Amino acid sequence: MKTTKELLGARIKELRKAKGLSQDELSEKINIDPKHLSRIEVGKSYPSLDTLEKTANALNVEIKELFEFMHLSRGKELTDSISKLLKEADEDNLRLILKIIRAVIQ
């Protein structure tokens, strides 16, 4: 399972590539060394809050979108995440979830 640091880095890289920016271009926009951006993207370094804000602005996304990486999860990670969420749901929400699952699968 990837660490949050690795997932965050992968998400920043994914968003950067989707915007058609190179590491050099993004690092220039957010005023950090390209090597530091590289370390962030491979999950070896955490960005500061200031860097997160600048990154989100440069990529034209909200900061919260930098942390939306559930789509990168696979197999057991997905099952574990779903199970955890289901354990936290009350009975009414469980009924709604069941209806949604049935609608999606059928």
Protein backbone atom coordinates (compact mmCIF):
# COMPACT_ATOMS: atom_id res chain seq x y z
CA MET A 1 0.00 0.00 0.00
CA LYS A 2 1.33 3.42 -0.94
CA THR A 3 1.93 6.05 1.71
CA THR A 4 0.02 9.33 1.75
CA LYS A 5 3.22 11.06 0.70
CA GLU A 6 3.50 8.80 -2.36
CA LEU A 7 -0.19 9.18 -3.23
CA LEU A 8 0.00 12.96 -2.94
CA GLY A 9 3.06 13.06 -5.16
CA ALA A 10 1.42 10.82 -7.76
CA ARG A 11 -1.68 13.02 -7.73
CA ILE A 12 0.33 16.20 -8.25
CA LYS A 13 2.18 14.52 -11.14
CA GLU A 14 -1.11 13.33 -12.64
CA LEU A 15 -2.64 16.82 -12.47
CA ARG A 16 0.54 18.43 -13.80
CA LYS A 17 0.59 16.11 -16.82
CA ALA A 18 -3.14 16.65 -17.42
CA LYS A 19 -2.41 20.38 -17.68
CA GLY A 20 0.42 19.69 -20.14
CA LEU A 21 3.11 21.10 -17.86
CA SER A 22 6.65 19.80 -17.47
CA GLN A 23 8.24 19.58 -14.03
CA ASP A 24 10.39 22.57 -14.94
CA GLU A 25 7.35 24.63 -15.94
CA LEU A 26 5.39 23.81 -12.78
CA SER A 27 8.38 24.32 -10.49
CA GLU A 28 8.94 27.74 -12.07
CA LYS A 29 5.27 28.68 -11.55
CA ILE A 30 5.37 27.68 -7.86
CA ASN A 31 8.90 28.98 -7.27
CA ILE A 32 10.60 25.78 -6.12
CA ASP A 33 13.61 23.88 -7.42
CA PRO A 34 12.69 21.29 -10.07
CA LYS A 35 14.56 18.65 -8.06
CA HIS A 36 12.33 19.37 -5.07
CA LEU A 37 9.22 18.96 -7.24
CA SER A 38 10.64 15.67 -8.50
CA ARG A 39 11.12 14.46 -4.90
CA ILE A 40 7.54 15.47 -4.08
CA GLU A 41 6.15 13.64 -7.11
CA VAL A 42 7.94 10.38 -6.27
CA GLY A 43 6.85 10.57 -2.62
CA LYS A 44 10.24 11.27 -1.08
CA SER A 45 9.35 14.73 0.22
CA TYR A 46 6.25 16.50 1.54
CA PRO A 47 5.44 19.91 0.13
CA SER A 48 4.94 22.77 2.58
CA LEU A 49 1.47 24.25 2.94
CA ASP A 50 2.67 27.27 0.97
CA THR A 51 3.87 24.97 -1.83
CA LEU A 52 0.55 23.08 -1.77
CA GLU A 53 -1.35 26.36 -2.16
CA LYS A 54 0.89 27.52 -5.00
CA THR A 55 0.64 24.11 -6.69
CA ALA A 56 -3.14 24.09 -6.51
CA ASN A 57 -3.28 27.62 -7.91
CA ALA A 58 -0.83 26.81 -10.72
CA LEU A 59 -2.84 23.72 -11.64
CA ASN A 60 -6.12 25.65 -11.33
CA VAL A 61 -7.59 23.22 -8.77
CA GLU A 62 -8.69 23.46 -5.15
CA ILE A 63 -6.21 22.16 -2.57
CA LYS A 64 -8.59 19.34 -1.66
CA GLU A 65 -8.28 18.00 -5.20
CA LEU A 66 -4.59 17.32 -4.56
CA PHE A 67 -5.73 14.77 -1.97
CA GLU A 68 -8.35 13.05 -4.11
CA PHE A 69 -6.52 9.86 -4.97
CA MET A 70 -9.01 7.08 -4.28
CA HIS A 71 -9.11 6.39 -8.03
CA LEU A 72 -5.47 5.25 -7.74
CA SER A 73 -6.41 2.49 -5.30
CA ARG A 74 -6.67 -1.10 -6.46
CA GLY A 75 -8.14 -4.43 -5.39
CA LYS A 76 -7.66 -5.01 -1.68
CA GLU A 77 -7.15 -1.30 -0.98
CA LEU A 78 -10.55 -0.55 -2.52
CA THR A 79 -12.23 -3.35 -0.61
CA ASP A 80 -10.64 -2.22 2.66
CA SER A 81 -11.69 1.39 2.07
CA ILE A 82 -15.26 0.38 1.27
CA SER A 83 -15.43 -1.90 4.33
CA LYS A 84 -14.18 0.87 6.59
CA LEU A 85 -16.76 3.30 5.26
CA LEU A 86 -19.57 0.75 5.59
CA LYS A 87 -18.69 0.14 9.25
CA GLU A 88 -19.18 3.85 9.90
CA ALA A 89 -22.56 4.08 8.16
CA ASP A 90 -25.86 4.01 10.03
CA GLU A 91 -28.77 1.76 9.00
CA ASP A 92 -30.47 4.38 6.80
CA ASN A 93 -27.25 5.03 4.91
CA LEU A 94 -26.63 1.30 4.53
CA ARG A 95 -30.06 0.91 2.91
CA LEU A 96 -29.29 3.76 0.52
CA ILE A 97 -25.87 2.29 -0.28
CA LEU A 98 -27.46 -1.08 -1.05
CA LYS A 99 -29.92 0.58 -3.47
CA ILE A 100 -27.09 2.43 -5.20
CA ILE A 101 -24.96 -0.72 -5.51
CA ARG A 102 -27.90 -2.66 -6.97
CA ALA A 103 -28.58 0.11 -9.47
CA VAL A 104 -24.95 0.27 -10.57
CA ILE A 105 -24.43 -3.49 -10.87
CA GLN A 106 -27.71 -4.39 -12.57
